[in-house]
PDB file of N, CA and C in Angstrom:
ATOM      1  N   MET A   1     -25.282  22.039  33.384  1.00  0.00           N
ATOM      2  CA  MET A   1     -24.010  22.270  34.031  1.00  0.00           C
ATOM      3  C   MET A   1     -22.894  22.180  32.987  1.00  0.00           C
ATOM      4  N   PHE A   2     -21.992  23.099  33.002  1.00  0.00           N
ATOM      5  CA  PHE A   2     -20.885  23.151  32.055  1.00  0.00           C
ATOM      6  C   PHE A   2     -19.629  22.543  32.655  1.00  0.00           C
ATOM      7  N   LEU A   3     -18.889  21.867  31.798  1.00  0.00           N
ATOM      8  CA  LEU A   3     -17.619  21.299  32.213  1.00  0.00           C
ATOM      9  C   LEU A   3     -16.540  22.331  31.920  1.00  0.00           C
ATOM     10  N   VAL A   4     -15.787  22.683  32.916  1.00  0.00           N
ATOM     11  CA  VAL A   4     -14.721  23.662  32.753  1.00  0.00           C
ATOM     12  C   VAL A   4     -13.401  22.916  32.657  1.00  0.00           C
ATOM     13  N   LEU A   5     -12.710  23.126  31.524  1.00  0.00           N
ATOM     14  CA  LEU A   5     -11.430  22.473  31.307  1.00  0.00           C
ATOM     15  C   LEU A   5     -10.291  23.462  31.519  1.00  0.00           C
ATOM     16  N   PRO A   6      -9.208  23.008  32.098  1.00  0.00           N
ATOM     17  CA  PRO A   6      -8.053  23.899  32.250  1.00  0.00           C
ATOM     18  C   PRO A   6      -7.534  24.318  30.875  1.00  0.00           C
ATOM     19  N   ARG A   7      -6.973  25.500  30.792  1.00  0.00           N
ATOM     20  CA  ARG A   7      -6.471  26.026  29.522  1.00  0.00           C
ATOM     21  C   ARG A   7      -5.435  25.104  28.885  1.00  0.00           C
ATOM     22  N   CYS A   8      -4.588  24.490  29.664  1.00  0.00           N
ATOM     23  CA  CYS A   8      -3.553  23.635  29.079  1.00  0.00           C
ATOM     24  C   CYS A   8      -4.179  22.397  28.440  1.00  0.00           C
ATOM     25  N   LEU A   9      -5.272  21.886  29.006  1.00  0.00           N
ATOM     26  CA  LEU A   9      -5.950  20.732  28.417  1.00  0.00           C
ATOM     27  C   LEU A   9      -6.641  21.119  27.111  1.00  0.00           C
ATOM     28  N   ILE A  10      -7.240  22.286  27.082  1.00  0.00           N
ATOM     29  CA  ILE A  10      -7.883  22.786  25.854  1.00  0.00           C
ATOM     30  C   ILE A  10      -6.827  22.942  24.755  1.00  0.00           C
ATOM     31  N   PHE A  11      -5.670  23.507  25.103  1.00  0.00           N
ATOM     32  CA  PHE A  11      -4.591  23.689  24.138  1.00  0.00           C
ATOM     33  C   PHE A  11      -4.099  22.331  23.626  1.00  0.00           C
ATOM     34  N   ALA A  12      -3.946  21.362  24.530  1.00  0.00           N
ATOM     35  CA  ALA A  12      -3.479  20.029  24.122  1.00  0.00           C
ATOM     36  C   ALA A  12      -4.476  19.366  23.183  1.00  0.00           C
ATOM     37  N   LEU A  13      -5.756  19.476  23.463  1.00  0.00           N
ATOM     38  CA  LEU A  13      -6.777  18.894  22.588  1.00  0.00           C
ATOM     39  C   LEU A  13      -6.778  19.580  21.221  1.00  0.00           C
ATOM     40  N   LEU A  14      -6.631  20.876  21.209  1.00  0.00           N
ATOM     41  CA  LEU A  14      -6.576  21.625  19.957  1.00  0.00           C
ATOM     42  C   LEU A  14      -5.368  21.191  19.119  1.00  0.00           C
ATOM     43  N   CYS A  15      -4.214  21.030  19.756  1.00  0.00           N
ATOM     44  CA  CYS A  15      -3.013  20.567  19.038  1.00  0.00           C
ATOM     45  C   CYS A  15      -3.215  19.170  18.468  1.00  0.00           C
ATOM     46  N   LEU A  16      -3.868  18.308  19.211  1.00  0.00           N
ATOM     47  CA  LEU A  16      -4.125  16.950  18.745  1.00  0.00           C
ATOM     48  C   LEU A  16      -5.016  16.958  17.503  1.00  0.00           C
ATOM     49  N   VAL A  17      -6.057  17.756  17.528  1.00  0.00           N
ATOM     50  CA  VAL A  17      -6.966  17.847  16.381  1.00  0.00           C
ATOM     51  C   VAL A  17      -6.245  18.428  15.173  1.00  0.00           C
ATOM     52  N   LEU A  18      -5.488  19.484  15.363  1.00  0.00           N
ATOM     53  CA  LEU A  18      -4.796  20.115  14.240  1.00  0.00           C
ATOM     54  C   LEU A  18      -3.690  19.239  13.681  1.00  0.00           C
ATOM     55  N   SER A  19      -3.035  18.427  14.512  1.00  0.00           N
ATOM     56  CA  SER A  19      -1.955  17.580  14.005  1.00  0.00           C
ATOM     57  C   SER A  19      -2.489  16.464  13.115  1.00  0.00           C
ATOM     58  N   SER A  20      -3.739  16.083  13.278  1.00  0.00           N
ATOM     59  CA  SER A  20      -4.310  15.047  12.418  1.00  0.00           C
ATOM     60  C   SER A  20      -4.739  15.599  11.068  1.00  0.00           C
ATOM     61  N   HIS A  21      -4.756  16.912  10.927  1.00  0.00           N
ATOM     62  CA  HIS A  21      -5.107  17.571   9.676  1.00  0.00           C
ATOM     63  C   HIS A  21      -3.823  17.804   8.897  1.00  0.00           C
ATOM     64  N   THR A  22      -3.445  16.844   8.044  1.00  0.00           N
ATOM     65  CA  THR A  22      -2.148  16.865   7.376  1.00  0.00           C
ATOM     66  C   THR A  22      -2.192  17.614   6.060  1.00  0.00           C
ATOM     67  N   LEU A  23      -1.023  17.739   5.455  1.00  0.00           N
ATOM     68  CA  LEU A  23      -0.894  18.363   4.134  1.00  0.00           C
ATOM     69  C   LEU A  23      -1.751  17.642   3.110  1.00  0.00           C
ATOM     70  N   TYR A  24      -1.882  16.324   3.250  1.00  0.00           N
ATOM     71  CA  TYR A  24      -2.673  15.540   2.309  1.00  0.00           C
ATOM     72  C   TYR A  24      -4.074  16.103   2.163  1.00  0.00           C
ATOM     73  N   SER A  25      -4.708  16.466   3.261  1.00  0.00           N
ATOM     74  CA  SER A  25      -6.083  16.938   3.178  1.00  0.00           C
ATOM     75  C   SER A  25      -6.164  18.361   2.642  1.00  0.00           C
ATOM     76  N   GLN A  26      -5.027  19.028   2.520  1.00  0.00           N
ATOM     77  CA  GLN A  26      -5.023  20.411   2.066  1.00  0.00           C
ATOM     78  C   GLN A  26      -4.614  20.565   0.603  1.00  0.00           C
ATOM     79  N   CYS A  27      -4.238  19.486  -0.057  1.00  0.00           N
ATOM     80  CA  CYS A  27      -3.775  19.615  -1.435  1.00  0.00           C
ATOM     81  C   CYS A  27      -4.702  18.866  -2.381  1.00  0.00           C
ATOM     82  N   SER A  28      -4.541  19.174  -3.650  1.00  0.00           N
ATOM     83  CA  SER A  28      -5.269  18.454  -4.693  1.00  0.00           C
ATOM     84  C   SER A  28      -4.242  17.715  -5.531  1.00  0.00           C
ATOM     85  N   PRO A  29      -3.982  16.442  -5.228  1.00  0.00           N
ATOM     86  CA  PRO A  29      -2.956  15.702  -5.966  1.00  0.00           C
ATOM     87  C   PRO A  29      -3.331  15.495  -7.428  1.00  0.00           C
ATOM     88  N   SER A  30      -2.313  15.343  -8.265  1.00  0.00           N
ATOM     89  CA  SER A  30      -2.503  15.132  -9.699  1.00  0.00           C
ATOM     90  C   SER A  30      -1.619  13.990 -10.172  1.00  0.00           C
ATOM     91  N   LEU A  31      -2.003  13.426 -11.313  1.00  0.00           N
ATOM     92  CA  LEU A  31      -1.190  12.409 -11.973  1.00  0.00           C
ATOM     93  C   LEU A  31      -0.191  13.094 -12.898  1.00  0.00           C
ATOM     94  N   TYR A  32       1.017  12.528 -12.960  1.00  0.00           N
ATOM     95  CA  TYR A  32       2.048  13.009 -13.874  1.00  0.00           C
ATOM     96  C   TYR A  32       2.600  11.800 -14.628  1.00  0.00           C
ATOM     97  N   TYR A  33       3.052  12.030 -15.851  1.00  0.00           N
ATOM     98  CA  TYR A  33       3.465  10.955 -16.746  1.00  0.00           C
ATOM     99  C   TYR A  33       4.902  11.191 -17.198  1.00  0.00           C
ATOM    100  N   ARG A  34       5.697  10.115 -17.252  1.00  0.00           N
ATOM    101  CA  ARG A  34       7.089  10.230 -17.674  1.00  0.00           C
ATOM    102  C   ARG A  34       7.141  10.852 -19.062  1.00  0.00           C
ATOM    103  N   ASP A  35       8.010  11.856 -19.213  1.00  0.00           N
ATOM    104  CA  ASP A  35       8.187  12.570 -20.482  1.00  0.00           C
ATOM    105  C   ASP A  35       9.644  12.421 -20.897  1.00  0.00           C
ATOM    106  N   ASN A  36       9.941  11.367 -21.636  1.00  0.00           N
ATOM    107  CA  ASN A  36      11.324  11.052 -21.996  1.00  0.00           C
ATOM    108  C   ASN A  36      11.972  12.069 -22.924  1.00  0.00           C
ATOM    109  N   ASP A  37      11.185  12.700 -23.811  1.00  0.00           N
ATOM    110  CA  ASP A  37      11.787  13.613 -24.782  1.00  0.00           C
ATOM    111  C   ASP A  37      11.630  15.088 -24.405  1.00  0.00           C
ATOM    112  N   GLY A  38      11.010  15.371 -23.287  1.00  0.00           N
ATOM    113  CA  GLY A  38      10.934  16.744 -22.793  1.00  0.00           C
ATOM    114  C   GLY A  38      10.043  17.674 -23.589  1.00  0.00           C
ATOM    115  N   ASP A  39       9.066  17.135 -24.326  1.00  0.00           N
ATOM    116  CA  ASP A  39       8.200  17.998 -25.131  1.00  0.00           C
ATOM    117  C   ASP A  39       6.932  18.428 -24.393  1.00  0.00           C
ATOM    118  N   GLY A  40       6.805  18.049 -23.124  1.00  0.00           N
ATOM    119  CA  GLY A  40       5.644  18.471 -22.338  1.00  0.00           C
ATOM    120  C   GLY A  40       4.458  17.536 -22.429  1.00  0.00           C
ATOM    121  N   ILE A  41       4.599  16.444 -23.180  1.00  0.00           N
ATOM    122  CA  ILE A  41       3.541  15.444 -23.290  1.00  0.00           C
ATOM    123  C   ILE A  41       4.129  14.115 -22.835  1.00  0.00           C
ATOM    124  N   GLY A  42       3.460  13.460 -21.899  1.00  0.00           N
ATOM    125  CA  GLY A  42       3.986  12.226 -21.324  1.00  0.00           C
ATOM    126  C   GLY A  42       3.745  10.998 -22.178  1.00  0.00           C
ATOM    127  N   ILE A  43       4.076   9.850 -21.616  1.00  0.00           N
ATOM    128  CA  ILE A  43       3.962   8.570 -22.302  1.00  0.00           C
ATOM    129  C   ILE A  43       2.600   8.403 -22.963  1.00  0.00           C
ATOM    130  N   LYS A  44       2.574   7.575 -24.000  1.00  0.00           N
ATOM    131  CA  LYS A  44       1.342   7.421 -24.775  1.00  0.00           C
ATOM    132  C   LYS A  44       0.252   6.684 -24.014  1.00  0.00           C
ATOM    133  N   SER A  45       0.570   5.535 -23.430  1.00  0.00           N
ATOM    134  CA  SER A  45      -0.446   4.706 -22.782  1.00  0.00           C
ATOM    135  C   SER A  45      -0.045   4.387 -21.348  1.00  0.00           C
ATOM    136  N   PRO A  46      -0.519   5.160 -20.384  1.00  0.00           N
ATOM    137  CA  PRO A  46      -0.175   4.889 -18.995  1.00  0.00           C
ATOM    138  C   PRO A  46      -0.722   3.535 -18.536  1.00  0.00           C
ATOM    139  N   ASN A  47       0.039   2.831 -17.726  1.00  0.00           N
ATOM    140  CA  ASN A  47      -0.357   1.542 -17.191  1.00  0.00           C
ATOM    141  C   ASN A  47      -1.367   1.760 -16.060  1.00  0.00           C
ATOM    142  N   SER A  48      -2.566   1.224 -16.212  1.00  0.00           N
ATOM    143  CA  SER A  48      -3.619   1.444 -15.214  1.00  0.00           C
ATOM    144  C   SER A  48      -3.251   0.852 -13.856  1.00  0.00           C
ATOM    145  N   ASP A  49      -2.452  -0.232 -13.836  1.00  0.00           N
ATOM    146  CA  ASP A  49      -2.003  -0.794 -12.552  1.00  0.00           C
ATOM    147  C   ASP A  49      -1.085   0.186 -11.828  1.00  0.00           C
ATOM    148  N   ASP A  50      -0.208   0.861 -12.595  1.00  0.00           N
ATOM    149  CA  ASP A  50       0.676   1.854 -11.985  1.00  0.00           C
ATOM    150  C   ASP A  50      -0.114   3.032 -11.447  1.00  0.00           C
ATOM    151  N   ILE A  51      -1.130   3.466 -12.199  1.00  0.00           N
ATOM    152  CA  ILE A  51      -1.968   4.577 -11.738  1.00  0.00           C
ATOM    153  C   ILE A  51      -2.655   4.201 -10.435  1.00  0.00           C
ATOM    154  N   SER A  52      -3.241   3.031 -10.391  1.00  0.00           N
ATOM    155  CA  SER A  52      -3.921   2.563  -9.181  1.00  0.00           C
ATOM    156  C   SER A  52      -2.947   2.471  -8.008  1.00  0.00           C
ATOM    157  N   ARG A  53      -1.750   1.968  -8.272  1.00  0.00           N
ATOM    158  CA  ARG A  53      -0.750   1.785  -7.216  1.00  0.00           C
ATOM    159  C   ARG A  53      -0.307   3.118  -6.623  1.00  0.00           C
ATOM    160  N   VAL A  54      -0.004   4.128  -7.471  1.00  0.00           N
ATOM    161  CA  VAL A  54       0.472   5.408  -6.926  1.00  0.00           C
ATOM    162  C   VAL A  54      -0.612   6.112  -6.133  1.00  0.00           C
ATOM    163  N   ILE A  55      -1.856   6.026  -6.602  1.00  0.00           N
ATOM    164  CA  ILE A  55      -2.945   6.675  -5.864  1.00  0.00           C
ATOM    165  C   ILE A  55      -3.157   5.976  -4.530  1.00  0.00           C
ATOM    166  N   THR A  56      -3.135   4.656  -4.522  1.00  0.00           N
ATOM    167  CA  THR A  56      -3.300   3.901  -3.276  1.00  0.00           C
ATOM    168  C   THR A  56      -2.163   4.199  -2.312  1.00  0.00           C
ATOM    169  N   ASP A  57      -0.921   4.165  -2.810  1.00  0.00           N
ATOM    170  CA  ASP A  57       0.231   4.446  -1.940  1.00  0.00           C
ATOM    171  C   ASP A  57       0.165   5.845  -1.357  1.00  0.00           C
ATOM    172  N   PHE A  58      -0.219   6.817  -2.178  1.00  0.00           N
ATOM    173  CA  PHE A  58      -0.331   8.200  -1.710  1.00  0.00           C
ATOM    174  C   PHE A  58      -1.388   8.303  -0.619  1.00  0.00           C
ATOM    175  N   ASN A  59      -2.548   7.702  -0.871  1.00  0.00           N
ATOM    176  CA  ASN A  59      -3.633   7.780   0.109  1.00  0.00           C
ATOM    177  C   ASN A  59      -3.301   7.024   1.387  1.00  0.00           C
ATOM    178  N   ASP A  60      -2.589   5.899   1.268  1.00  0.00           N
ATOM    179  CA  ASP A  60      -2.203   5.143   2.458  1.00  0.00           C
ATOM    180  C   ASP A  60      -1.212   5.925   3.309  1.00  0.00           C
ATOM    181  N   ALA A  61      -0.269   6.598   2.659  1.00  0.00           N
ATOM    182  CA  ALA A  61       0.760   7.336   3.394  1.00  0.00           C
ATOM    183  C   ALA A  61       0.204   8.634   3.977  1.00  0.00           C
ATOM    184  N   ARG A  62      -0.688   9.276   3.244  1.00  0.00           N
ATOM    185  CA  ARG A  62      -1.279  10.549   3.663  1.00  0.00           C
ATOM    186  C   ARG A  62      -0.241  11.577   4.107  1.00  0.00           C
ATOM    187  N   THR A  63       0.845  11.642   3.347  1.00  0.00           N
ATOM    188  CA  THR A  63       1.898  12.589   3.695  1.00  0.00           C
ATOM    189  C   THR A  63       1.919  13.803   2.779  1.00  0.00           C
ATOM    190  N   GLY A  64       1.316  13.687   1.619  1.00  0.00           N
ATOM    191  CA  GLY A  64       1.395  14.762   0.645  1.00  0.00           C
ATOM    192  C   GLY A  64       2.606  14.631  -0.258  1.00  0.00           C
ATOM    193  N   ASN A  65       3.493  13.666   0.021  1.00  0.00           N
ATOM    194  CA  ASN A  65       4.673  13.452  -0.814  1.00  0.00           C
ATOM    195  C   ASN A  65       4.276  12.747  -2.108  1.00  0.00           C
ATOM    196  N   THR A  66       4.997  13.007  -3.176  1.00  0.00           N
ATOM    197  CA  THR A  66       4.737  12.368  -4.457  1.00  0.00           C
ATOM    198  C   THR A  66       5.105  10.886  -4.381  1.00  0.00           C
ATOM    199  N   THR A  67       4.244  10.043  -4.958  1.00  0.00           N
ATOM    200  CA  THR A  67       4.535   8.611  -5.045  1.00  0.00           C
ATOM    201  C   THR A  67       4.769   8.258  -6.508  1.00  0.00           C
ATOM    202  N   TYR A  68       5.554   7.220  -6.741  1.00  0.00           N
ATOM    203  CA  TYR A  68       5.951   6.835  -8.093  1.00  0.00           C
ATOM    204  C   TYR A  68       5.715   5.352  -8.314  1.00  0.00           C
ATOM    205  N   SER A  69       5.312   4.990  -9.519  1.00  0.00           N
ATOM    206  CA  SER A  69       5.232   3.592  -9.940  1.00  0.00           C
ATOM    207  C   SER A  69       5.386   3.556 -11.449  1.00  0.00           C
ATOM    208  N   GLY A  70       6.434   2.899 -11.919  1.00  0.00           N
ATOM    209  CA  GLY A  70       6.677   2.835 -13.355  1.00  0.00           C
ATOM    210  C   GLY A  70       6.834   4.222 -13.955  1.00  0.00           C
ATOM    211  N   ASP A  71       6.017   4.528 -14.944  1.00  0.00           N
ATOM    212  CA  ASP A  71       6.081   5.822 -15.629  1.00  0.00           C
ATOM    213  C   ASP A  71       5.040   6.805 -15.127  1.00  0.00           C
ATOM    214  N   ILE A  72       4.527   6.583 -13.918  1.00  0.00           N
ATOM    215  CA  ILE A  72       3.469   7.422 -13.353  1.00  0.00           C
ATOM    216  C   ILE A  72       3.930   7.992 -12.014  1.00  0.00           C
ATOM    217  N   ALA A  73       3.581   9.253 -11.773  1.00  0.00           N
ATOM    218  CA  ALA A  73       3.807   9.891 -10.474  1.00  0.00           C
ATOM    219  C   ALA A  73       2.488  10.512 -10.037  1.00  0.00           C
ATOM    220  N   TYR A  74       2.291  10.612  -8.720  1.00  0.00           N
ATOM    221  CA  TYR A  74       1.057  11.187  -8.180  1.00  0.00           C
ATOM    222  C   TYR A  74       1.413  11.982  -6.942  1.00  0.00           C
ATOM    223  N   GLY A  75       1.037  13.236  -6.927  1.00  0.00           N
ATOM    224  CA  GLY A  75       1.352  14.056  -5.771  1.00  0.00           C
ATOM    225  C   GLY A  75       0.766  15.444  -5.860  1.00  0.00           C
ATOM    226  N   CYS A  76       1.094  16.247  -4.847  1.00  0.00           N
ATOM    227  CA  CYS A  76       0.538  17.600  -4.730  1.00  0.00           C
ATOM    228  C   CYS A  76       1.316  18.634  -5.532  1.00  0.00           C
ATOM    229  N   SER A  77       2.538  18.293  -5.908  1.00  0.00           N
ATOM    230  CA  SER A  77       3.319  19.244  -6.691  1.00  0.00           C
ATOM    231  C   SER A  77       3.992  18.519  -7.854  1.00  0.00           C
ATOM    232  N   HIS A  78       4.292  19.270  -8.891  1.00  0.00           N
ATOM    233  CA  HIS A  78       4.915  18.712 -10.091  1.00  0.00           C
ATOM    234  C   HIS A  78       6.263  18.116  -9.705  1.00  0.00           C
ATOM    235  N   PRO A  79       6.549  16.870 -10.128  1.00  0.00           N
ATOM    236  CA  PRO A  79       7.799  16.228  -9.735  1.00  0.00           C
ATOM    237  C   PRO A  79       9.056  16.794 -10.395  1.00  0.00           C
ATOM    238  N   GLY A  80       8.923  17.673 -11.375  1.00  0.00           N
ATOM    239  CA  GLY A  80      10.092  18.303 -11.978  1.00  0.00           C
ATOM    240  C   GLY A  80      10.294  17.880 -13.423  1.00  0.00           C
ATOM    241  N   SER A  81      11.485  18.161 -13.936  1.00  0.00           N
ATOM    242  CA  SER A  81      11.762  17.850 -15.335  1.00  0.00           C
ATOM    243  C   SER A  81      11.687  16.349 -15.564  1.00  0.00           C
ATOM    244  N   GLY A  82      11.266  15.986 -16.754  1.00  0.00           N
ATOM    245  CA  GLY A  82      11.103  14.583 -17.088  1.00  0.00           C
ATOM    246  C   GLY A  82       9.705  14.069 -16.810  1.00  0.00           C
ATOM    247  N   TRP A  83       8.804  14.959 -16.395  1.00  0.00           N
ATOM    248  CA  TRP A  83       7.422  14.581 -16.101  1.00  0.00           C
ATOM    249  C   TRP A  83       6.471  15.579 -16.745  1.00  0.00           C
ATOM    250  N   ALA A  84       5.337  15.091 -17.246  1.00  0.00           N
ATOM    251  CA  ALA A  84       4.332  15.937 -17.893  1.00  0.00           C
ATOM    252  C   ALA A  84       2.983  15.716 -17.215  1.00  0.00           C
ATOM    253  N   SER A  85       2.132  16.709 -17.299  1.00  0.00           N
ATOM    254  CA  SER A  85       0.815  16.592 -16.671  1.00  0.00           C
ATOM    255  C   SER A  85      -0.234  15.981 -17.591  1.00  0.00           C
ATOM    256  N   SER A  86       0.142  15.701 -18.847  1.00  0.00           N
ATOM    257  CA  SER A  86      -0.810  15.029 -19.742  1.00  0.00           C
ATOM    258  C   SER A  86      -0.100  13.926 -20.517  1.00  0.00           C
ATOM    259  N   PRO A  87      -0.791  12.781 -20.724  1.00  0.00           N
ATOM    260  CA  PRO A  87      -0.211  11.669 -21.478  1.00  0.00           C
ATOM    261  C   PRO A  87      -0.558  11.778 -22.960  1.00  0.00           C
ATOM    262  N   GLY A  88      -0.037  10.863 -23.758  1.00  0.00           N
ATOM    263  CA  GLY A  88      -0.468  10.764 -25.146  1.00  0.00           C
ATOM    264  C   GLY A  88       0.578  11.064 -26.186  1.00  0.00           C
ATOM    265  N   ASP A  89       1.869  11.129 -25.811  1.00  0.00           N
ATOM    266  CA  ASP A  89       2.915  11.411 -26.788  1.00  0.00           C
ATOM    267  C   ASP A  89       2.994  10.274 -27.803  1.00  0.00           C
ATOM    268  N   CYS A  90       2.899  10.600 -29.088  1.00  0.00           N
ATOM    269  CA  CYS A  90       2.917   9.564 -30.121  1.00  0.00           C
ATOM    270  C   CYS A  90       4.294   8.932 -30.287  1.00  0.00           C
ATOM    271  N   ASN A  91       5.346   9.653 -29.923  1.00  0.00           N
ATOM    272  CA  ASN A  91       6.702   9.105 -29.948  1.00  0.00           C
ATOM    273  C   ASN A  91       7.480   9.804 -28.845  1.00  0.00           C
ATOM    274  N   ASP A  92       7.585   9.166 -27.689  1.00  0.00           N
ATOM    275  CA  ASP A  92       8.203   9.810 -26.535  1.00  0.00           C
ATOM    276  C   ASP A  92       9.726   9.787 -26.585  1.00  0.00           C
ATOM    277  N   ASN A  93      10.292   9.428 -27.723  1.00  0.00           N
ATOM    278  CA  ASN A  93      11.737   9.502 -27.906  1.00  0.00           C
ATOM    279  C   ASN A  93      12.123  10.587 -28.899  1.00  0.00           C
ATOM    280  N   ASP A  94      11.124  11.302 -29.450  1.00  0.00           N
ATOM    281  CA  ASP A  94      11.380  12.349 -30.438  1.00  0.00           C
ATOM    282  C   ASP A  94      10.535  13.578 -30.083  1.00  0.00           C
ATOM    283  N   PRO A  95      11.169  14.659 -29.604  1.00  0.00           N
ATOM    284  CA  PRO A  95      10.398  15.843 -29.217  1.00  0.00           C
ATOM    285  C   PRO A  95       9.711  16.546 -30.385  1.00  0.00           C
ATOM    286  N   ASN A  96      10.134  16.254 -31.618  1.00  0.00           N
ATOM    287  CA  ASN A  96       9.531  16.880 -32.791  1.00  0.00           C
ATOM    288  C   ASN A  96       8.336  16.104 -33.326  1.00  0.00           C
ATOM    289  N   ALA A  97       8.153  14.883 -32.852  1.00  0.00           N
ATOM    290  CA  ALA A  97       7.025  14.061 -33.319  1.00  0.00           C
ATOM    291  C   ALA A  97       5.818  14.336 -32.436  1.00  0.00           C
ATOM    292  N   GLN A  98       4.867  15.042 -32.994  1.00  0.00           N
ATOM    293  CA  GLN A  98       3.648  15.365 -32.272  1.00  0.00           C
ATOM    294  C   GLN A  98       2.462  15.120 -33.175  1.00  0.00           C
ATOM    295  N   SER A  99       1.406  14.663 -32.588  1.00  0.00           N
ATOM    296  CA  SER A  99       0.207  14.381 -33.359  1.00  0.00           C
ATOM    297  C   SER A  99      -0.909  15.314 -32.925  1.00  0.00           C
ATOM    298  N   THR A 100      -1.538  15.961 -33.887  1.00  0.00           N
ATOM    299  CA  THR A 100      -2.692  16.794 -33.591  1.00  0.00           C
ATOM    300  C   THR A 100      -3.983  16.062 -33.944  1.00  0.00           C
ATOM    301  N   VAL A 101      -3.827  14.809 -34.368  1.00  0.00           N
ATOM    302  CA  VAL A 101      -4.978  14.004 -34.759  1.00  0.00           C
ATOM    303  C   VAL A 101      -5.405  13.141 -33.579  1.00  0.00           C
ATOM    304  N   THR A 102      -6.692  13.055 -33.351  1.00  0.00           N
ATOM    305  CA  THR A 102      -7.208  12.191 -32.296  1.00  0.00           C
ATOM    306  C   THR A 102      -7.618  10.861 -32.902  1.00  0.00           C
ATOM    307  N   TRP A 103      -7.036   9.786 -32.392  1.00  0.00           N
ATOM    308  CA  TRP A 103      -7.340   8.442 -32.858  1.00  0.00           C
ATOM    309  C   TRP A 103      -8.200   7.755 -31.830  1.00  0.00           C
ATOM    310  N   PHE A 104      -9.086   6.888 -32.264  1.00  0.00           N
ATOM    311  CA  PHE A 104      -9.895   6.107 -31.339  1.00  0.00           C
ATOM    312  C   PHE A 104     -10.214   4.764 -31.970  1.00  0.00           C
ATOM    313  N   THR A 105     -10.578   3.823 -31.113  1.00  0.00           N
ATOM    314  CA  THR A 105     -10.967   2.494 -31.588  1.00  0.00           C
ATOM    315  C   THR A 105     -12.478   2.426 -31.607  1.00  0.00           C
ATOM    316  N   ASP A 106     -13.057   2.056 -32.746  1.00  0.00           N
ATOM    317  CA  ASP A 106     -14.511   1.978 -32.837  1.00  0.00           C
ATOM    318  C   ASP A 106     -15.019   0.650 -32.272  1.00  0.00           C
ATOM    319  N   SER A 107     -16.314   0.416 -32.386  1.00  0.00           N
ATOM    320  CA  SER A 107     -16.953  -0.721 -31.737  1.00  0.00           C
ATOM    321  C   SER A 107     -16.471  -2.082 -32.235  1.00  0.00           C
ATOM    322  N   ASP A 108     -15.971  -2.172 -33.476  1.00  0.00           N
ATOM    323  CA  ASP A 108     -15.489  -3.463 -33.955  1.00  0.00           C
ATOM    324  C   ASP A 108     -13.960  -3.564 -33.953  1.00  0.00           C
ATOM    325  N   GLY A 109     -13.297  -2.639 -33.249  1.00  0.00           N
ATOM    326  CA  GLY A 109     -11.850  -2.719 -33.043  1.00  0.00           C
ATOM    327  C   GLY A 109     -10.999  -2.021 -34.063  1.00  0.00           C
ATOM    328  N   GLU A 110     -11.581  -1.297 -35.026  1.00  0.00           N
ATOM    329  CA  GLU A 110     -10.800  -0.576 -36.019  1.00  0.00           C
ATOM    330  C   GLU A 110     -10.317   0.751 -35.424  1.00  0.00           C
ATOM    331  N   VAL A 111      -9.105   1.143 -35.786  1.00  0.00           N
ATOM    332  CA  VAL A 111      -8.589   2.426 -35.355  1.00  0.00           C
ATOM    333  C   VAL A 111      -9.023   3.479 -36.351  1.00  0.00           C
ATOM    334  N   MET A 112      -9.654   4.533 -35.863  1.00  0.00           N
ATOM    335  CA  MET A 112     -10.235   5.561 -36.729  1.00  0.00           C
ATOM    336  C   MET A 112      -9.650   6.940 -36.375  1.00  0.00           C
ATOM    337  N   LEU A 113      -9.752   7.875 -37.310  1.00  0.00           N
ATOM    338  CA  LEU A 113      -9.412   9.279 -37.050  1.00  0.00           C
ATOM    339  C   LEU A 113     -10.528   9.952 -36.314  1.00  0.00           C
TER     340      LEU A 113
END
């Protein structure tokens, strides 16, 4: 036996289901980093607590709006000037200071090329 629902009830249920499907579930959020000198490369060392905080705040709100903490932003769209999509600026106060060298710390703590 089939249950027959009035058209207005079907429409109301459909609206309820669609309203729970927010912009958050339709976007792919990204991290952005403060870019003080405007060279397209953000801060050198992002704070992991700030990264965790913006992602948590964004997910808790589920609005799709950009969230901010310290020098980090997280959202579905680029926050605008003063923000870069990649970190690692060797001197974020000088747009002409750029490093093409990759530095890393080896197993005993020495900084290497």
